[in-house]
C-alpha atoms as a PDB file:
ATOM      1  CA  MET A   1      40.087  24.962  29.492  1.00  0.00           C
ATOM      2  CA  ARG A   2      37.206  25.756  31.811  1.00  0.00           C
ATOM      3  CA  LYS A   3      36.428  22.061  32.203  1.00  0.00           C
ATOM      4  CA  ASP A   4      40.077  21.283  33.145  1.00  0.00           C
ATOM      5  CA  SER A   5      39.931  23.997  35.787  1.00  0.00           C
ATOM      6  CA  GLN A   6      36.734  22.540  37.247  1.00  0.00           C
ATOM      7  CA  ILE A   7      38.249  19.060  37.327  1.00  0.00           C
ATOM      8  CA  ARG A   8      41.359  20.331  39.155  1.00  0.00           C
ATOM      9  CA  GLN A   9      39.150  22.183  41.626  1.00  0.00           C
ATOM     10  CA  LEU A  10      37.062  19.046  42.244  1.00  0.00           C
ATOM     11  CA  LYS A  11      40.208  16.970  42.770  1.00  0.00           C
ATOM     12  CA  ARG A  12      41.504  19.480  45.338  1.00  0.00           C
ATOM     13  CA  GLU A  13      38.147  19.391  47.118  1.00  0.00           C
ATOM     14  CA  ILE A  14      38.178  15.583  47.174  1.00  0.00           C
ATOM     15  CA  GLU A  15      41.674  15.625  48.714  1.00  0.00           C
ATOM     16  CA  ARG A  16      40.571  18.184  51.307  1.00  0.00           C
ATOM     17  CA  LEU A  17      37.570  16.021  52.244  1.00  0.00           C
ATOM     18  CA  LYS A  18      39.751  12.914  52.499  1.00  0.00           C
ATOM     19  CA  ARG A  19      42.035  14.753  54.929  1.00  0.00           C
ATOM     20  CA  LEU A  20      39.013  15.737  57.030  1.00  0.00           C
ATOM     21  CA  VAL A  21      37.716  12.182  57.087  1.00  0.00           C
ATOM     22  CA  TYR A  22      40.986  10.275  57.621  1.00  0.00           C
ATOM     23  CA  LEU A  23      43.413  12.595  59.421  1.00  0.00           C
ATOM     24  CA  ASP A  24      43.505  13.773  63.009  1.00  0.00           C
ATOM     25  CA  HIS A  25      43.460  17.579  62.958  1.00  0.00           C
ATOM     26  CA  LEU A  26      45.844  17.988  65.919  1.00  0.00           C
ATOM     27  CA  THR A  27      48.620  15.523  65.094  1.00  0.00           C
ATOM     28  CA  ASN A  28      48.208  15.153  61.325  1.00  0.00           C
ATOM     29  CA  LEU A  29      48.363  11.387  61.797  1.00  0.00           C
ATOM     30  CA  TYR A  30      45.601   9.079  60.658  1.00  0.00           C
ATOM     31  CA  ASN A  31      42.550   9.178  62.907  1.00  0.00           C
ATOM     32  CA  ARG A  32      40.958   5.892  64.004  1.00  0.00           C
ATOM     33  CA  ARG A  33      38.884   5.607  60.825  1.00  0.00           C
ATOM     34  CA  GLY A  34      41.875   6.295  58.576  1.00  0.00           C
ATOM     35  CA  PHE A  35      44.134   3.938  60.510  1.00  0.00           C
ATOM     36  CA  LEU A  36      41.627   1.092  60.410  1.00  0.00           C
ATOM     37  CA  GLU A  37      40.881   1.481  56.718  1.00  0.00           C
ATOM     38  CA  ILE A  38      44.516   1.687  55.592  1.00  0.00           C
ATOM     39  CA  SER A  39      45.723  -0.972  58.046  1.00  0.00           C
ATOM     40  CA  ASN A  40      42.908  -3.343  57.162  1.00  0.00           C
ATOM     41  CA  ASN A  41      44.072  -3.237  53.541  1.00  0.00           C
ATOM     42  CA  TYR A  42      47.589  -4.305  54.621  1.00  0.00           C
ATOM     43  CA  PHE A  43      46.200  -6.874  57.006  1.00  0.00           C
ATOM     44  CA  GLN A  44      43.886  -8.440  54.410  1.00  0.00           C
ATOM     45  CA  SER A  45      46.661  -8.426  51.827  1.00  0.00           C
ATOM     46  CA  ALA A  46      48.938 -10.310  54.236  1.00  0.00           C
ATOM     47  CA  VAL A  47      46.199 -12.837  55.028  1.00  0.00           C
ATOM     48  CA  ASN A  48      45.466 -13.365  51.323  1.00  0.00           C
ATOM     49  CA  LYS A  49      49.170 -13.772  50.467  1.00  0.00           C
ATOM     50  CA  ARG A  50      49.461 -16.324  53.220  1.00  0.00           C
ATOM     51  CA  LYS A  51      46.543 -18.328  51.815  1.00  0.00           C
ATOM     52  CA  LYS A  52      47.897 -18.201  48.261  1.00  0.00           C
ATOM     53  CA  ARG A  53      51.552 -18.953  49.006  1.00  0.00           C
ATOM     54  CA  ARG A  54      51.210 -20.974  52.185  1.00  0.00           C
ATOM     55  CA  GLN A  55      53.706 -18.631  53.806  1.00  0.00           C
ATOM     56  CA  ASN A  56      53.255 -16.967  57.137  1.00  0.00           C
ATOM     57  CA  GLU A  57      52.927 -13.390  55.785  1.00  0.00           C
ATOM     58  CA  ILE A  58      50.664 -12.347  58.647  1.00  0.00           C
ATOM     59  CA  SER A  59      53.481 -12.939  61.124  1.00  0.00           C
ATOM     60  CA  LYS A  60      55.364 -10.050  59.493  1.00  0.00           C
ATOM     61  CA  LEU A  61      52.893  -7.588  61.007  1.00  0.00           C
ATOM     62  CA  ALA A  62      52.719  -6.173  64.527  1.00  0.00           C
ATOM     63  CA  ILE A  63      50.491  -3.720  66.388  1.00  0.00           C
ATOM     64  CA  ILE A  64      51.815  -1.240  68.949  1.00  0.00           C
ATOM     65  CA  PHE A  65      49.219   0.419  71.171  1.00  0.00           C
ATOM     66  CA  LEU A  66      50.553   3.432  73.118  1.00  0.00           C
ATOM     67  CA  ASP A  67      48.997   5.622  75.792  1.00  0.00           C
ATOM     68  CA  VAL A  68      50.528   8.755  77.318  1.00  0.00           C
ATOM     69  CA  ASP A  69      51.226   8.177  81.010  1.00  0.00           C
ATOM     70  CA  ASP A  70      49.416  10.487  83.437  1.00  0.00           C
ATOM     71  CA  PHE A  71      47.982  12.644  80.659  1.00  0.00           C
ATOM     72  CA  LYS A  72      45.300  14.101  82.934  1.00  0.00           C
ATOM     73  CA  LYS A  73      48.058  15.315  85.279  1.00  0.00           C
ATOM     74  CA  ILE A  74      49.831  16.958  82.326  1.00  0.00           C
ATOM     75  CA  ASN A  75      46.656  18.837  81.402  1.00  0.00           C
ATOM     76  CA  ASP A  76      45.907  19.743  85.028  1.00  0.00           C
ATOM     77  CA  LYS A  77      49.434  20.940  85.818  1.00  0.00           C
ATOM     78  CA  HIS A  78      50.490  22.508  82.507  1.00  0.00           C
ATOM     79  CA  GLY A  79      47.157  23.272  80.803  1.00  0.00           C
ATOM     80  CA  HIS A  80      45.406  21.843  77.773  1.00  0.00           C
ATOM     81  CA  ARG A  81      47.603  23.743  75.314  1.00  0.00           C
ATOM     82  CA  ARG A  82      50.672  21.992  76.695  1.00  0.00           C
ATOM     83  CA  GLY A  83      48.730  18.715  76.664  1.00  0.00           C
ATOM     84  CA  ASP A  84      48.018  19.267  72.972  1.00  0.00           C
ATOM     85  CA  LYS A  85      51.685  20.099  72.427  1.00  0.00           C
ATOM     86  CA  ALA A  86      52.627  16.827  74.159  1.00  0.00           C
ATOM     87  CA  LEU A  87      50.430  14.929  71.687  1.00  0.00           C
ATOM     88  CA  LYS A  88      52.057  16.761  68.770  1.00  0.00           C
ATOM     89  CA  VAL A  89      55.538  15.997  70.119  1.00  0.00           C
ATOM     90  CA  LEU A  90      54.631  12.330  70.481  1.00  0.00           C
ATOM     91  CA  ALA A  91      53.282  12.281  66.909  1.00  0.00           C
ATOM     92  CA  ARG A  92      56.529  13.849  65.665  1.00  0.00           C
ATOM     93  CA  ILE A  93      58.661  11.298  67.506  1.00  0.00           C
ATOM     94  CA  LEU A  94      56.597   8.448  66.072  1.00  0.00           C
ATOM     95  CA  ARG A  95      56.894   9.835  62.523  1.00  0.00           C
ATOM     96  CA  GLU A  96      60.656  10.415  62.865  1.00  0.00           C
ATOM     97  CA  ASN A  97      61.402   6.974  64.302  1.00  0.00           C
ATOM     98  CA  LEU A  98      59.138   4.724  62.274  1.00  0.00           C
ATOM     99  CA  ARG A  99      59.443   3.750  58.644  1.00  0.00           C
ATOM    100  CA  LYS A 100      57.324   5.312  55.889  1.00  0.00           C
ATOM    101  CA  LEU A 101      55.587   1.984  55.316  1.00  0.00           C
ATOM    102  CA  ASP A 102      54.384   1.713  58.930  1.00  0.00           C
ATOM    103  CA  ILE A 103      50.900   3.059  59.597  1.00  0.00           C
ATOM    104  CA  ILE A 104      50.573   5.487  62.532  1.00  0.00           C
ATOM    105  CA  GLY A 105      47.264   6.661  63.944  1.00  0.00           C
ATOM    106  CA  ARG A 106      45.807   8.560  66.837  1.00  0.00           C
ATOM    107  CA  TRP A 107      43.276   6.150  68.269  1.00  0.00           C
ATOM    108  CA  GLY A 108      41.638   8.811  70.413  1.00  0.00           C
ATOM    109  CA  GLY A 109      42.508  11.135  73.266  1.00  0.00           C
ATOM    110  CA  GLU A 110      46.070  10.317  74.288  1.00  0.00           C
ATOM    111  CA  GLU A 111      46.099   6.856  72.669  1.00  0.00           C
ATOM    112  CA  PHE A 112      48.075   6.025  69.527  1.00  0.00           C
ATOM    113  CA  VAL A 113      48.320   2.873  67.442  1.00  0.00           C
ATOM    114  CA  VAL A 114      50.937   1.691  64.968  1.00  0.00           C
ATOM    115  CA  LEU A 115      50.866  -1.103  62.412  1.00  0.00           C
ATOM    116  CA  LEU A 116      54.411  -2.291  61.796  1.00  0.00           C
ATOM    117  CA  VAL A 117      54.613  -3.784  58.316  1.00  0.00           C
ATOM    118  CA  ASN A 118      57.072  -6.424  57.149  1.00  0.00           C
ATOM    119  CA  VAL A 119      58.794  -6.734  60.506  1.00  0.00           C
ATOM    120  CA  SER A 120      60.121  -9.689  62.499  1.00  0.00           C
ATOM    121  CA  LYS A 121      59.071 -10.158  66.100  1.00  0.00           C
ATOM    122  CA  GLU A 122      62.585  -9.328  67.281  1.00  0.00           C
ATOM    123  CA  ASN A 123      62.711  -6.104  65.276  1.00  0.00           C
ATOM    124  CA  ALA A 124      59.218  -5.121  66.433  1.00  0.00           C
ATOM    125  CA  LYS A 125      60.392  -5.476  70.038  1.00  0.00           C
ATOM    126  CA  ARG A 126      63.474  -3.360  69.347  1.00  0.00           C
ATOM    127  CA  ILE A 127      61.381  -0.710  67.610  1.00  0.00           C
ATOM    128  CA  VAL A 128      58.901  -0.281  70.458  1.00  0.00           C
ATOM    129  CA  GLU A 129      61.639  -0.247  73.101  1.00  0.00           C
ATOM    130  CA  LYS A 130      63.535   2.402  71.102  1.00  0.00           C
ATOM    131  CA  LEU A 131      60.360   4.486  70.801  1.00  0.00           C
ATOM    132  CA  LEU A 132      59.820   4.454  74.561  1.00  0.00           C
ATOM    133  CA  ARG A 133      63.432   5.565  75.161  1.00  0.00           C
ATOM    134  CA  LYS A 134      63.205   8.355  72.558  1.00  0.00           C
ATOM    135  CA  ILE A 135      59.929   9.642  73.991  1.00  0.00           C
ATOM    136  CA  ALA A 136      61.215   9.649  77.583  1.00  0.00           C
ATOM    137  CA  LYS A 137      64.475  11.403  76.578  1.00  0.00           C
ATOM    138  CA  ASP A 138      62.834  14.164  74.531  1.00  0.00           C
ATOM    139  CA  LYS A 139      63.355  17.602  76.123  1.00  0.00           C
ATOM    140  CA  THR A 140      61.002  19.622  73.888  1.00  0.00           C
ATOM    141  CA  LEU A 141      58.218  20.045  76.444  1.00  0.00           C
ATOM    142  CA  GLY A 142      60.242  21.014  79.496  1.00  0.00           C
ATOM    143  CA  PHE A 143      58.830  18.033  81.372  1.00  0.00           C
ATOM    144  CA  ARG A 144      59.282  14.282  80.937  1.00  0.00           C
ATOM    145  CA  LEU A 145      56.762  12.573  78.679  1.00  0.00           C
ATOM    146  CA  THR A 146      56.403   8.804  78.915  1.00  0.00           C
ATOM    147  CA  VAL A 147      54.087   6.242  77.383  1.00  0.00           C
ATOM    148  CA  SER A 148      52.985   2.739  78.187  1.00  0.00           C
ATOM    149  CA  ALA A 149      52.689   0.310  75.301  1.00  0.00           C
ATOM    150  CA  GLY A 150      51.364  -3.059  74.283  1.00  0.00           C
ATOM    151  CA  LEU A 151      52.870  -5.004  71.385  1.00  0.00           C
ATOM    152  CA  ALA A 152      50.797  -7.754  69.776  1.00  0.00           C
ATOM    153  CA  PHE A 153      51.385 -10.041  66.829  1.00  0.00           C
ATOM    154  CA  PRO A 154      48.512 -11.459  64.751  1.00  0.00           C
ATOM    155  CA  HIS A 155      47.474 -15.040  65.337  1.00  0.00           C
ATOM    156  CA  GLN A 156      46.085 -17.175  62.567  1.00  0.00           C
ATOM    157  CA  GLY A 157      42.406 -16.389  61.990  1.00  0.00           C
ATOM    158  CA  GLU A 158      42.489 -13.098  63.909  1.00  0.00           C
ATOM    159  CA  THR A 159      41.112  -9.841  62.528  1.00  0.00           C
ATOM    160  CA  LEU A 160      42.929  -6.524  62.745  1.00  0.00           C
ATOM    161  CA  SER A 161      40.441  -5.344  65.375  1.00  0.00           C
ATOM    162  CA  GLN A 162      41.194  -8.376  67.538  1.00  0.00           C
ATOM    163  CA  VAL A 163      44.940  -7.730  67.381  1.00  0.00           C
ATOM    164  CA  VAL A 164      44.433  -4.039  68.234  1.00  0.00           C
ATOM    165  CA  HIS A 165      42.240  -5.075  71.175  1.00  0.00           C
ATOM    166  CA  ARG A 166      44.939  -7.449  72.478  1.00  0.00           C
ATOM    167  CA  ALA A 167      47.607  -4.746  72.138  1.00  0.00           C
ATOM    168  CA  ASP A 168      45.323  -2.356  74.042  1.00  0.00           C
ATOM    169  CA  LYS A 169      44.931  -4.877  76.875  1.00  0.00           C
ATOM    170  CA  LEU A 170      48.707  -5.346  77.004  1.00  0.00           C
ATOM    171  CA  MET A 171      49.144  -1.577  77.250  1.00  0.00           C
ATOM    172  CA  TYR A 172      46.845  -1.537  80.296  1.00  0.00           C
ATOM    173  CA  GLN A 173      49.012  -4.239  81.870  1.00  0.00           C
ATOM    174  CA  ALA A 174      52.039  -1.968  81.326  1.00  0.00           C
ATOM    175  CA  LYS A 175      50.174   0.848  83.107  1.00  0.00           C
ATOM    176  CA  LYS A 176      49.378  -1.425  86.058  1.00  0.00           C
ATOM    177  CA  GLN A 177      52.980  -2.667  86.261  1.00  0.00           C
ATOM    178  CA  GLY A 178      54.513   0.793  86.589  1.00  0.00           C
ATOM    179  CA  LYS A 179      54.136   2.725  83.319  1.00  0.00           C
ATOM    180  CA  ASN A 180      56.825   3.758  80.805  1.00  0.00           C
ATOM    181  CA  MET A 181      57.183   0.180  79.650  1.00  0.00           C
ATOM    182  CA  VAL A 182      55.973  -2.223  77.001  1.00  0.00           C
ATOM    183  CA  ILE A 183      54.251  -5.549  77.531  1.00  0.00           C
ATOM    184  CA  ILE A 184      54.749  -7.918  74.611  1.00  0.00           C
ATOM    185  CA  SER A 185      52.401 -10.718  73.628  1.00  0.00           C
ATOM    186  CA  LYS A 186      53.707 -14.240  73.564  1.00  0.00           C
END
């Protein structure tokens, strides 16, 4: 019985360490490391299926890169606690409005990334537009929270990191064009 108890204790410790390594402590979403590891598995699986079946599995994936608009102003005007609360609210909205199979991560600071799995381009566009509306309409914080987003679809031969980088660039275009919008790759 003592050995069973030790094994259970070790398993709990392993789970605790995994959470520390892969989860963001503030939002309870995947951190960058966790997002990349989990998403890369999906991405590689889609690429391998495509090679085996000669189907375009990779086109059923999409990356959304989001950044909170004027986050420094939020922290300066409302304080860092409210800034942290804004990040938690955003994480909640993402969790509530995305499917369980989609991978959501906090990239860093006020940046978030989502891998949409098994989604058409049209549905991916609808999903990101809906997210932006839901975020802007949320009243939890007592002030309006908006995000700018980039939506990118994998091209043949691209790595996950390359798609994330393109989505990030598209998000910066959304910022330059007025914020609270999404720019979608062609």
